[in-house]
Amino acid sequence: MEIKNIISRSIAAIVLFVLFSCILERDFSLDTLLSKAVLGLVFGVLYGIGTWGYYAYKKRK
């Protein structure tokens, strides 16, 4: 899988994480958005690394 696809999937995961977590908490204050954005960034990075590792392992087999 190309790196562009992994980055675009990670960005989509970050946006969806922040959106859904704010909707579920029903709080759109600046503090909540910033804290959820940081958590979303961590989630997106871990998701990207996991996706890259999965496809690198799958390609090796």
N, C-alpha and C. Protein backbone atom coordinates (compact mmCIF):
# COMPACT_ATOMS: atom_id res chain seq x y z
N MET A 1 0.84 -1.16 0.00
CA MET A 1 0.00 0.00 0.00
C MET A 1 0.89 1.23 0.00
N GLU A 2 0.50 2.20 -0.75
CA GLU A 2 1.28 3.43 -0.85
C GLU A 2 1.16 4.26 0.42
N ILE A 3 2.18 5.05 0.66
CA ILE A 3 2.20 5.90 1.86
C ILE A 3 1.10 6.95 1.81
N LYS A 4 0.73 7.41 0.62
CA LYS A 4 -0.35 8.41 0.50
C LYS A 4 -1.67 7.83 1.00
N ASN A 5 -1.93 6.57 0.68
CA ASN A 5 -3.17 5.94 1.14
C ASN A 5 -3.19 5.80 2.66
N ILE A 6 -2.06 5.43 3.23
CA ILE A 6 -1.99 5.27 4.69
C ILE A 6 -2.19 6.62 5.37
N ILE A 7 -1.57 7.67 4.84
CA ILE A 7 -1.72 9.00 5.44
C ILE A 7 -3.15 9.49 5.32
N SER A 8 -3.77 9.29 4.16
CA SER A 8 -5.16 9.74 4.00
C SER A 8 -6.11 8.96 4.90
N ARG A 9 -5.87 7.68 5.08
CA ARG A 9 -6.70 6.90 6.01
C ARG A 9 -6.50 7.35 7.44
N SER A 10 -5.27 7.68 7.80
CA SER A 10 -4.99 8.14 9.16
C SER A 10 -5.66 9.48 9.43
N ILE A 11 -5.62 10.38 8.46
CA ILE A 11 -6.29 11.69 8.62
C ILE A 11 -7.79 11.51 8.74
N ALA A 12 -8.35 10.62 7.95
CA ALA A 12 -9.79 10.34 8.04
C ALA A 12 -10.13 9.75 9.41
N ALA A 13 -9.27 8.89 9.94
CA ALA A 13 -9.50 8.31 11.26
C ALA A 13 -9.45 9.37 12.35
N ILE A 14 -8.54 10.33 12.22
CA ILE A 14 -8.43 11.42 13.20
C ILE A 14 -9.71 12.26 13.18
N VAL A 15 -10.15 12.65 11.99
CA VAL A 15 -11.34 13.50 11.86
C VAL A 15 -12.57 12.78 12.40
N LEU A 16 -12.74 11.52 12.04
CA LEU A 16 -13.91 10.78 12.51
C LEU A 16 -13.87 10.57 14.01
N PHE A 17 -12.69 10.30 14.56
CA PHE A 17 -12.56 10.13 16.01
C PHE A 17 -12.98 11.39 16.75
N VAL A 18 -12.46 12.53 16.31
CA VAL A 18 -12.80 13.79 16.98
C VAL A 18 -14.28 14.10 16.83
N LEU A 19 -14.80 13.92 15.64
CA LEU A 19 -16.21 14.22 15.39
C LEU A 19 -17.13 13.35 16.24
N PHE A 20 -16.91 12.04 16.21
CA PHE A 20 -17.80 11.14 16.95
C PHE A 20 -17.66 11.31 18.46
N SER A 21 -16.44 11.52 18.95
CA SER A 21 -16.29 11.68 20.39
C SER A 21 -16.93 12.97 20.88
N CYS A 22 -16.86 14.04 20.10
CA CYS A 22 -17.52 15.28 20.51
C CYS A 22 -19.04 15.16 20.43
N ILE A 23 -19.53 14.47 19.43
CA ILE A 23 -20.97 14.28 19.32
C ILE A 23 -21.49 13.43 20.48
N LEU A 24 -20.76 12.38 20.82
CA LEU A 24 -21.21 11.51 21.90
C LEU A 24 -21.16 12.21 23.26
N GLU A 25 -20.20 13.10 23.46
CA GLU A 25 -20.14 13.84 24.72
C GLU A 25 -21.07 15.04 24.73
N ARG A 26 -21.54 15.47 23.57
CA ARG A 26 -22.41 16.63 23.42
C ARG A 26 -21.79 17.89 24.02
N ASP A 27 -20.49 18.03 23.78
CA ASP A 27 -19.76 19.19 24.28
C ASP A 27 -18.80 19.67 23.20
N PHE A 28 -18.97 20.90 22.76
CA PHE A 28 -18.15 21.44 21.68
C PHE A 28 -17.31 22.63 22.14
N SER A 29 -16.94 22.64 23.41
CA SER A 29 -16.11 23.73 23.91
C SER A 29 -14.68 23.57 23.38
N LEU A 30 -13.93 24.65 23.46
CA LEU A 30 -12.57 24.65 22.93
C LEU A 30 -11.68 23.65 23.66
N ASP A 31 -11.83 23.56 24.97
CA ASP A 31 -11.03 22.61 25.75
C ASP A 31 -11.31 21.17 25.33
N THR A 32 -12.56 20.85 25.14
CA THR A 32 -12.92 19.50 24.72
C THR A 32 -12.41 19.21 23.32
N LEU A 33 -12.55 20.17 22.41
CA LEU A 33 -12.07 19.96 21.05
C LEU A 33 -10.55 19.75 21.02
N LEU A 34 -9.82 20.52 21.81
CA LEU A 34 -8.36 20.36 21.85
C LEU A 34 -7.94 19.03 22.45
N SER A 35 -8.59 18.63 23.52
CA SER A 35 -8.23 17.35 24.14
C SER A 35 -8.58 16.18 23.22
N LYS A 36 -9.72 16.27 22.56
CA LYS A 36 -10.10 15.21 21.62
C LYS A 36 -9.22 15.22 20.38
N ALA A 37 -8.76 16.39 19.98
CA ALA A 37 -7.86 16.47 18.82
C ALA A 37 -6.53 15.80 19.14
N VAL A 38 -6.03 16.00 20.36
CA VAL A 38 -4.77 15.35 20.76
C VAL A 38 -4.96 13.83 20.81
N LEU A 39 -6.06 13.39 21.40
CA LEU A 39 -6.34 11.95 21.43
C LEU A 39 -6.54 11.40 20.02
N GLY A 40 -7.19 12.17 19.17
CA GLY A 40 -7.39 11.74 17.79
C GLY A 40 -6.07 11.65 17.04
N LEU A 41 -5.17 12.56 17.31
CA LEU A 41 -3.85 12.53 16.67
C LEU A 41 -3.08 11.27 17.09
N VAL A 42 -3.13 10.96 18.37
CA VAL A 42 -2.47 9.74 18.85
C VAL A 42 -3.11 8.52 18.21
N PHE A 43 -4.44 8.49 18.16
CA PHE A 43 -5.14 7.38 17.54
C PHE A 43 -4.77 7.25 16.06
N GLY A 44 -4.72 8.37 15.36
CA GLY A 44 -4.39 8.34 13.93
C GLY A 44 -2.97 7.86 13.67
N VAL A 45 -2.04 8.27 14.51
CA VAL A 45 -0.65 7.82 14.35
C VAL A 45 -0.55 6.31 14.61
N LEU A 46 -1.18 5.85 15.68
CA LEU A 46 -1.16 4.42 15.96
C LEU A 46 -1.87 3.61 14.87
N TYR A 47 -2.95 4.15 14.35
CA TYR A 47 -3.66 3.49 13.27
C TYR A 47 -2.79 3.41 12.01
N GLY A 48 -2.10 4.50 11.70
CA GLY A 48 -1.21 4.51 10.54
C GLY A 48 -0.06 3.53 10.67
N ILE A 49 0.55 3.48 11.86
CA ILE A 49 1.64 2.54 12.09
C ILE A 49 1.13 1.11 12.01
N GLY A 50 -0.03 0.87 12.58
CA GLY A 50 -0.61 -0.48 12.52
C GLY A 50 -0.95 -0.90 11.10
N THR A 51 -1.51 0.02 10.33
CA THR A 51 -1.85 -0.28 8.94
C THR A 51 -0.59 -0.53 8.12
N TRP A 52 0.42 0.31 8.31
CA TRP A 52 1.68 0.12 7.59
C TRP A 52 2.31 -1.23 7.95
N GLY A 53 2.32 -1.57 9.24
CA GLY A 53 2.89 -2.85 9.67
C GLY A 53 2.14 -4.03 9.11
N TYR A 54 0.82 -3.93 9.09
CA TYR A 54 0.01 -5.02 8.55
C TYR A 54 0.31 -5.26 7.08
N TYR A 55 0.35 -4.19 6.30
CA TYR A 55 0.60 -4.36 4.87
C TYR A 55 2.05 -4.74 4.57
N ALA A 56 2.97 -4.28 5.40
CA ALA A 56 4.38 -4.68 5.21
C ALA A 56 4.54 -6.17 5.52
N TYR A 57 3.87 -6.66 6.56
CA TYR A 57 3.93 -8.08 6.90
C TYR A 57 3.21 -8.91 5.85
N LYS A 58 2.06 -8.42 5.39
CA LYS A 58 1.28 -9.15 4.39
C LYS A 58 2.06 -9.23 3.07
N LYS A 59 2.75 -8.16 2.71
CA LYS A 59 3.51 -8.14 1.48
C LYS A 59 4.72 -9.07 1.55
N ARG A 60 5.29 -9.21 2.74
CA ARG A 60 6.45 -10.05 2.92
C ARG A 60 6.13 -11.52 2.75
N LYS A 61 4.93 -11.92 3.14
CA LYS A 61 4.53 -13.33 3.04
C LYS A 61 4.32 -13.69 1.64
